């Protein structure tokens, strides 16, 4: 029997968010590997593009600032995406890259991990 695993759906990590579109923004994501919904993102200081959170980086991505809303394919150019950037409760089990420092940084933006 063949077993198929379903990837995470867009926004599956959300428990609640602000009314309307107040929680989400359109963002530019740096070129790179494919990313799944729930990926913690940091903002690259020099380019203004989002990239996966990296606690040991020194380019701005060491500060968690957003959570990727939907999947993005691998690309060698900047990609357009959506992110949850404020006023939401999110499921810890559905986040990628979460550590205690990221959890604290997200809380500053009222992104509360449950």
N, C-alpha and C. Protein backbone atom coordinates (compact mmCIF):
# COMPACT_ATOMS: atom_id res chain seq x y z
N UNK A 1 0.84 -1.18 0.00
CA UNK A 1 0.00 0.00 0.00
C UNK A 1 0.89 1.25 0.00
N UNK A 2 0.57 2.19 -0.85
CA UNK A 2 1.32 3.43 -0.94
C UNK A 2 0.77 4.44 0.07
N UNK A 3 1.69 5.00 0.84
CA UNK A 3 1.30 6.01 1.82
C UNK A 3 1.70 7.37 1.28
N UNK A 4 0.77 8.27 1.25
CA UNK A 4 1.05 9.63 0.79
C UNK A 4 0.97 10.57 1.98
N UNK A 5 1.95 11.45 2.09
CA UNK A 5 1.96 12.45 3.15
C UNK A 5 1.58 13.80 2.57
N UNK A 6 0.66 14.43 3.20
CA UNK A 6 0.20 15.73 2.75
C UNK A 6 1.07 16.81 3.38
N UNK A 7 1.52 17.75 2.56
CA UNK A 7 2.31 18.85 3.09
C UNK A 7 1.41 19.80 3.86
N UNK A 8 2.02 20.67 4.64
CA UNK A 8 1.24 21.62 5.42
C UNK A 8 0.55 22.62 4.49
N UNK A 9 -0.68 22.93 4.81
CA UNK A 9 -1.47 23.88 4.02
C UNK A 9 -1.14 25.31 4.41
N UNK A 10 -1.39 26.23 3.51
CA UNK A 10 -1.20 27.65 3.79
C UNK A 10 -1.99 28.05 5.03
N UNK A 11 -1.33 28.70 5.95
CA UNK A 11 -1.98 29.20 7.15
C UNK A 11 -2.37 28.14 8.16
N UNK A 12 -1.99 26.90 7.97
CA UNK A 12 -2.38 25.83 8.89
C UNK A 12 -1.86 26.06 10.31
N UNK A 13 -0.80 26.81 10.46
CA UNK A 13 -0.21 27.09 11.76
C UNK A 13 -1.00 28.13 12.56
N UNK A 14 -1.94 28.83 11.92
CA UNK A 14 -2.70 29.89 12.59
C UNK A 14 -3.78 29.33 13.51
N UNK A 15 -3.81 29.82 14.74
CA UNK A 15 -4.89 29.50 15.66
C UNK A 15 -5.93 30.62 15.64
N UNK A 16 -5.46 31.86 15.56
CA UNK A 16 -6.34 33.02 15.41
C UNK A 16 -5.50 34.17 14.87
N UNK A 17 -6.19 35.12 14.24
CA UNK A 17 -5.50 36.31 13.74
C UNK A 17 -6.45 37.49 13.78
N UNK A 18 -5.89 38.68 13.59
CA UNK A 18 -6.69 39.90 13.63
C UNK A 18 -7.72 39.93 12.51
N UNK A 19 -8.77 40.71 12.71
CA UNK A 19 -9.85 40.82 11.73
C UNK A 19 -9.34 41.38 10.40
N UNK A 20 -9.97 40.94 9.33
CA UNK A 20 -9.60 41.43 8.01
C UNK A 20 -8.20 40.96 7.64
N UNK A 21 -7.42 41.84 7.08
CA UNK A 21 -6.06 41.50 6.66
C UNK A 21 -5.01 42.15 7.54
N UNK A 22 -5.37 42.51 8.76
CA UNK A 22 -4.43 43.24 9.62
C UNK A 22 -3.20 42.43 10.00
N UNK A 23 -3.29 41.10 10.02
CA UNK A 23 -2.18 40.26 10.45
C UNK A 23 -1.17 39.95 9.35
N UNK A 24 -1.57 40.08 8.10
CA UNK A 24 -0.72 39.62 6.98
C UNK A 24 -0.22 40.77 6.12
N UNK A 25 0.93 40.53 5.49
CA UNK A 25 1.52 41.48 4.55
C UNK A 25 2.10 40.72 3.36
N UNK A 26 2.12 41.35 2.21
CA UNK A 26 2.85 40.83 1.06
C UNK A 26 4.32 41.15 1.29
N UNK A 27 5.19 40.19 1.04
CA UNK A 27 6.62 40.37 1.31
C UNK A 27 7.46 39.87 0.14
N UNK A 28 8.71 40.29 0.11
CA UNK A 28 9.70 39.75 -0.81
C UNK A 28 10.57 38.79 -0.04
N UNK A 29 10.73 37.58 -0.58
CA UNK A 29 11.53 36.56 0.07
C UNK A 29 12.77 36.31 -0.77
N UNK A 30 13.92 36.30 -0.13
CA UNK A 30 15.19 36.11 -0.82
C UNK A 30 15.21 34.80 -1.59
N UNK A 31 15.96 34.77 -2.68
CA UNK A 31 16.13 33.55 -3.47
C UNK A 31 16.68 32.44 -2.58
N UNK A 32 16.32 31.20 -2.89
CA UNK A 32 16.83 30.09 -2.11
C UNK A 32 15.96 28.87 -2.20
N UNK A 33 16.11 28.02 -1.22
CA UNK A 33 15.41 26.74 -1.16
C UNK A 33 13.90 26.93 -1.00
N UNK A 34 13.16 25.87 -1.29
CA UNK A 34 11.71 25.88 -1.09
C UNK A 34 11.41 26.06 0.39
N UNK A 35 10.35 26.77 0.69
CA UNK A 35 9.94 27.04 2.07
C UNK A 35 8.50 26.63 2.27
N UNK A 36 8.21 26.11 3.45
CA UNK A 36 6.86 25.65 3.79
C UNK A 36 6.15 26.66 4.69
N UNK A 37 4.83 26.66 4.70
CA UNK A 37 4.10 27.52 5.63
C UNK A 37 4.55 27.25 7.06
N UNK A 38 4.64 28.31 7.84
CA UNK A 38 5.07 28.16 9.23
C UNK A 38 6.56 28.41 9.42
N UNK A 39 7.28 28.69 8.34
CA UNK A 39 8.71 28.99 8.44
C UNK A 39 8.89 30.34 9.12
N UNK A 40 9.68 30.38 10.19
CA UNK A 40 10.01 31.64 10.86
C UNK A 40 10.95 32.41 9.95
N UNK A 41 10.70 33.71 9.79
CA UNK A 41 11.49 34.54 8.90
C UNK A 41 12.14 35.70 9.65
N UNK A 42 13.28 36.12 9.14
CA UNK A 42 13.94 37.33 9.60
C UNK A 42 14.11 38.26 8.40
N UNK A 43 14.37 39.52 8.65
CA UNK A 43 14.50 40.51 7.58
C UNK A 43 15.97 40.83 7.35
N UNK A 44 16.46 40.56 6.13
CA UNK A 44 17.84 40.86 5.78
C UNK A 44 17.98 42.39 5.72
N UNK A 45 18.85 42.93 6.55
CA UNK A 45 18.98 44.37 6.71
C UNK A 45 19.35 45.09 5.41
N UNK A 46 20.33 44.58 4.67
CA UNK A 46 20.80 45.28 3.48
C UNK A 46 19.84 45.23 2.31
N UNK A 47 19.14 44.11 2.12
CA UNK A 47 18.28 43.95 0.94
C UNK A 47 16.81 44.27 1.21
N UNK A 48 16.38 44.20 2.48
CA UNK A 48 14.97 44.39 2.80
C UNK A 48 14.12 43.19 2.42
N UNK A 49 14.76 42.06 2.16
CA UNK A 49 14.06 40.82 1.82
C UNK A 49 14.01 39.92 3.04
N UNK A 50 12.98 39.10 3.12
CA UNK A 50 12.86 38.14 4.20
C UNK A 50 13.59 36.86 3.82
N UNK A 51 14.11 36.18 4.83
CA UNK A 51 14.83 34.93 4.65
C UNK A 51 14.61 34.10 5.90
N UNK A 52 14.81 32.77 5.84
CA UNK A 52 14.60 31.96 7.04
C UNK A 52 15.41 32.48 8.24
N UNK A 53 14.76 32.49 9.38
CA UNK A 53 15.38 32.89 10.65
C UNK A 53 16.63 32.06 10.88
N UNK A 54 17.72 32.73 11.27
CA UNK A 54 18.99 32.07 11.56
C UNK A 54 19.59 32.73 12.79
N UNK A 55 19.48 32.09 13.96
CA UNK A 55 19.92 32.74 15.21
C UNK A 55 21.40 33.07 15.28
N UNK A 56 22.24 32.47 14.43
CA UNK A 56 23.68 32.76 14.49
C UNK A 56 24.13 33.70 13.36
N UNK A 57 23.20 34.18 12.56
CA UNK A 57 23.53 35.10 11.47
C UNK A 57 23.83 36.50 12.02
N UNK A 58 24.37 37.34 11.17
CA UNK A 58 24.63 38.74 11.53
C UNK A 58 24.18 39.66 10.41
N UNK A 59 23.10 39.26 9.72
CA UNK A 59 22.61 40.04 8.58
C UNK A 59 21.19 40.53 8.77
N UNK A 60 20.64 40.37 9.97
CA UNK A 60 19.26 40.77 10.26
C UNK A 60 18.36 39.57 10.46
N UNK A 61 18.70 38.43 9.86
CA UNK A 61 17.86 37.24 10.00
C UNK A 61 17.99 36.58 11.36
N UNK A 62 18.87 37.10 12.20
CA UNK A 62 18.97 36.59 13.57
C UNK A 62 17.82 37.09 14.44
N UNK A 63 17.00 37.98 13.92
CA UNK A 63 15.82 38.49 14.61
C UNK A 63 14.56 37.99 13.91
N UNK A 64 13.80 37.14 14.59
CA UNK A 64 12.55 36.62 14.02
C UNK A 64 11.53 37.75 13.95
N UNK A 65 10.94 37.96 12.75
CA UNK A 65 10.00 39.06 12.59
C UNK A 65 8.69 38.67 11.95
N UNK A 66 8.61 37.48 11.34
CA UNK A 66 7.40 37.10 10.61
C UNK A 66 7.33 35.58 10.46
N UNK A 67 6.18 35.11 9.98
CA UNK A 67 5.98 33.68 9.72
C UNK A 67 5.39 33.55 8.32
N UNK A 68 6.02 32.74 7.49
CA UNK A 68 5.57 32.54 6.12
C UNK A 68 4.18 31.92 6.11
N UNK A 69 3.27 32.51 5.36
CA UNK A 69 1.87 32.06 5.33
C UNK A 69 1.65 30.85 4.41
N UNK A 70 2.21 30.90 3.22
CA UNK A 70 2.00 29.83 2.24
C UNK A 70 3.31 29.31 1.70
N UNK A 71 3.28 28.18 0.99
CA UNK A 71 4.52 27.58 0.49
C UNK A 71 5.14 28.41 -0.63
N UNK A 72 6.47 28.33 -0.73
CA UNK A 72 7.21 28.97 -1.82
C UNK A 72 8.15 27.93 -2.41
N UNK A 73 8.19 27.85 -3.73
CA UNK A 73 9.10 26.93 -4.40
C UNK A 73 10.52 27.45 -4.40
N UNK A 74 11.44 26.55 -4.69
CA UNK A 74 12.86 26.92 -4.80
C UNK A 74 13.01 27.91 -5.95
N UNK A 75 13.91 28.89 -5.78
CA UNK A 75 14.07 29.92 -6.80
C UNK A 75 15.46 30.55 -6.71
N UNK A 76 15.95 31.00 -7.86
CA UNK A 76 17.23 31.72 -7.86
C UNK A 76 17.02 33.22 -8.00
N UNK A 77 15.77 33.66 -7.89
CA UNK A 77 15.44 35.09 -7.87
C UNK A 77 14.52 35.37 -6.68
N UNK A 78 14.39 36.63 -6.34
CA UNK A 78 13.52 37.04 -5.24
C UNK A 78 12.09 36.59 -5.54
N UNK A 79 11.40 36.09 -4.50
CA UNK A 79 10.03 35.59 -4.66
C UNK A 79 9.07 36.49 -3.89
N UNK A 80 7.84 36.56 -4.37
CA UNK A 80 6.78 37.31 -3.68
C UNK A 80 6.00 36.31 -2.85
N UNK A 81 5.73 36.67 -1.60
CA UNK A 81 4.99 35.78 -0.72
C UNK A 81 4.12 36.57 0.24
N UNK A 82 3.48 35.86 1.15
CA UNK A 82 2.66 36.49 2.19
C UNK A 82 3.18 35.99 3.52
N UNK A 83 3.12 36.86 4.51
CA UNK A 83 3.58 36.47 5.85
C UNK A 83 2.64 37.04 6.90
N UNK A 84 2.56 36.34 8.01
CA UNK A 84 1.86 36.84 9.18
C UNK A 84 2.89 37.65 9.96
N UNK A 85 2.63 38.93 10.13
CA UNK A 85 3.62 39.82 10.72
C UNK A 85 3.19 40.46 12.04
N UNK A 86 1.91 40.30 12.42
CA UNK A 86 1.43 40.93 13.66
C UNK A 86 0.09 40.32 14.08
N UNK A 87 -0.21 40.46 15.33
CA UNK A 87 -1.53 40.16 15.90
C UNK A 87 -2.09 38.80 15.50
N UNK A 88 -1.43 37.72 15.96
CA UNK A 88 -1.93 36.37 15.69
C UNK A 88 -1.45 35.41 16.77
N UNK A 89 -2.22 34.34 16.95
CA UNK A 89 -1.80 33.22 17.78
C UNK A 89 -1.46 32.08 16.84
N UNK A 90 -0.32 31.43 17.09
CA UNK A 90 0.15 30.38 16.19
C UNK A 90 0.49 29.11 16.96
N UNK A 91 0.39 27.99 16.27
CA UNK A 91 0.65 26.68 16.86
C UNK A 91 2.15 26.35 16.83
N UNK A 92 2.73 26.15 17.97
CA UNK A 92 4.15 25.83 18.08
C UNK A 92 4.51 24.60 17.26
N UNK A 93 3.66 23.60 17.26
CA UNK A 93 3.94 22.34 16.57
C UNK A 93 4.03 22.50 15.05
N UNK A 94 3.50 23.59 14.51
CA UNK A 94 3.48 23.79 13.07
C UNK A 94 4.51 24.81 12.58
N UNK A 95 5.41 25.24 13.44
CA UNK A 95 6.40 26.24 13.06
C UNK A 95 7.75 25.59 12.79
N UNK A 96 8.47 26.15 11.83
CA UNK A 96 9.82 25.68 11.49
C UNK A 96 10.83 26.74 11.90
N UNK A 97 11.82 26.33 12.67
CA UNK A 97 12.88 27.24 13.08
C UNK A 97 12.65 27.93 14.40
N UNK A 98 11.64 27.51 15.14
CA UNK A 98 11.33 28.18 16.40
C UNK A 98 12.32 27.78 17.50
N UNK A 99 12.83 28.77 18.20
CA UNK A 99 13.62 28.56 19.41
C UNK A 99 13.17 29.61 20.42
N UNK A 100 13.66 29.55 21.67
CA UNK A 100 13.19 30.52 22.67
C UNK A 100 13.42 31.98 22.27
N UNK A 101 14.55 32.27 21.62
CA UNK A 101 14.82 33.65 21.21
C UNK A 101 13.83 34.10 20.14
N UNK A 102 13.50 33.22 19.21
CA UNK A 102 12.53 33.56 18.17
C UNK A 102 11.15 33.78 18.78
N UNK A 103 10.79 32.95 19.74
CA UNK A 103 9.49 33.10 20.39
C UNK A 103 9.37 34.46 21.06
N UNK A 104 10.43 34.89 21.74
CA UNK A 104 10.43 36.22 22.38
C UNK A 104 10.35 37.33 21.35
N UNK A 105 11.11 37.19 20.27
CA UNK A 105 11.12 38.23 19.23
C UNK A 105 9.76 38.34 18.54
N UNK A 106 9.11 37.22 18.30
CA UNK A 106 7.79 37.24 17.67
C UNK A 106 6.75 37.89 18.58
N UNK A 107 6.89 37.67 19.89
CA UNK A 107 5.94 38.24 20.84
C UNK A 107 5.95 39.78 20.80
N UNK A 108 7.08 40.37 20.46
CA UNK A 108 7.16 41.83 20.34
C UNK A 108 6.20 42.33 19.25
N UNK A 109 5.96 41.49 18.23
CA UNK A 109 5.04 41.82 17.14
C UNK A 109 3.65 41.28 17.37
N UNK A 110 3.39 40.85 18.60
CA UNK A 110 2.11 40.27 19.00
C UNK A 110 1.79 39.00 18.21
N UNK A 111 2.84 38.24 17.90
CA UNK A 111 2.73 36.90 17.33
C UNK A 111 2.97 35.94 18.49
N UNK A 112 1.89 35.39 19.04
CA UNK A 112 1.96 34.60 20.26
C UNK A 112 1.94 33.12 19.94
N UNK A 113 2.97 32.43 20.44
CA UNK A 113 3.10 30.98 20.22
C UNK A 113 2.34 30.25 21.32
N UNK A 114 1.49 29.33 20.93
CA UNK A 114 0.70 28.52 21.87
C UNK A 114 1.09 27.09 21.77
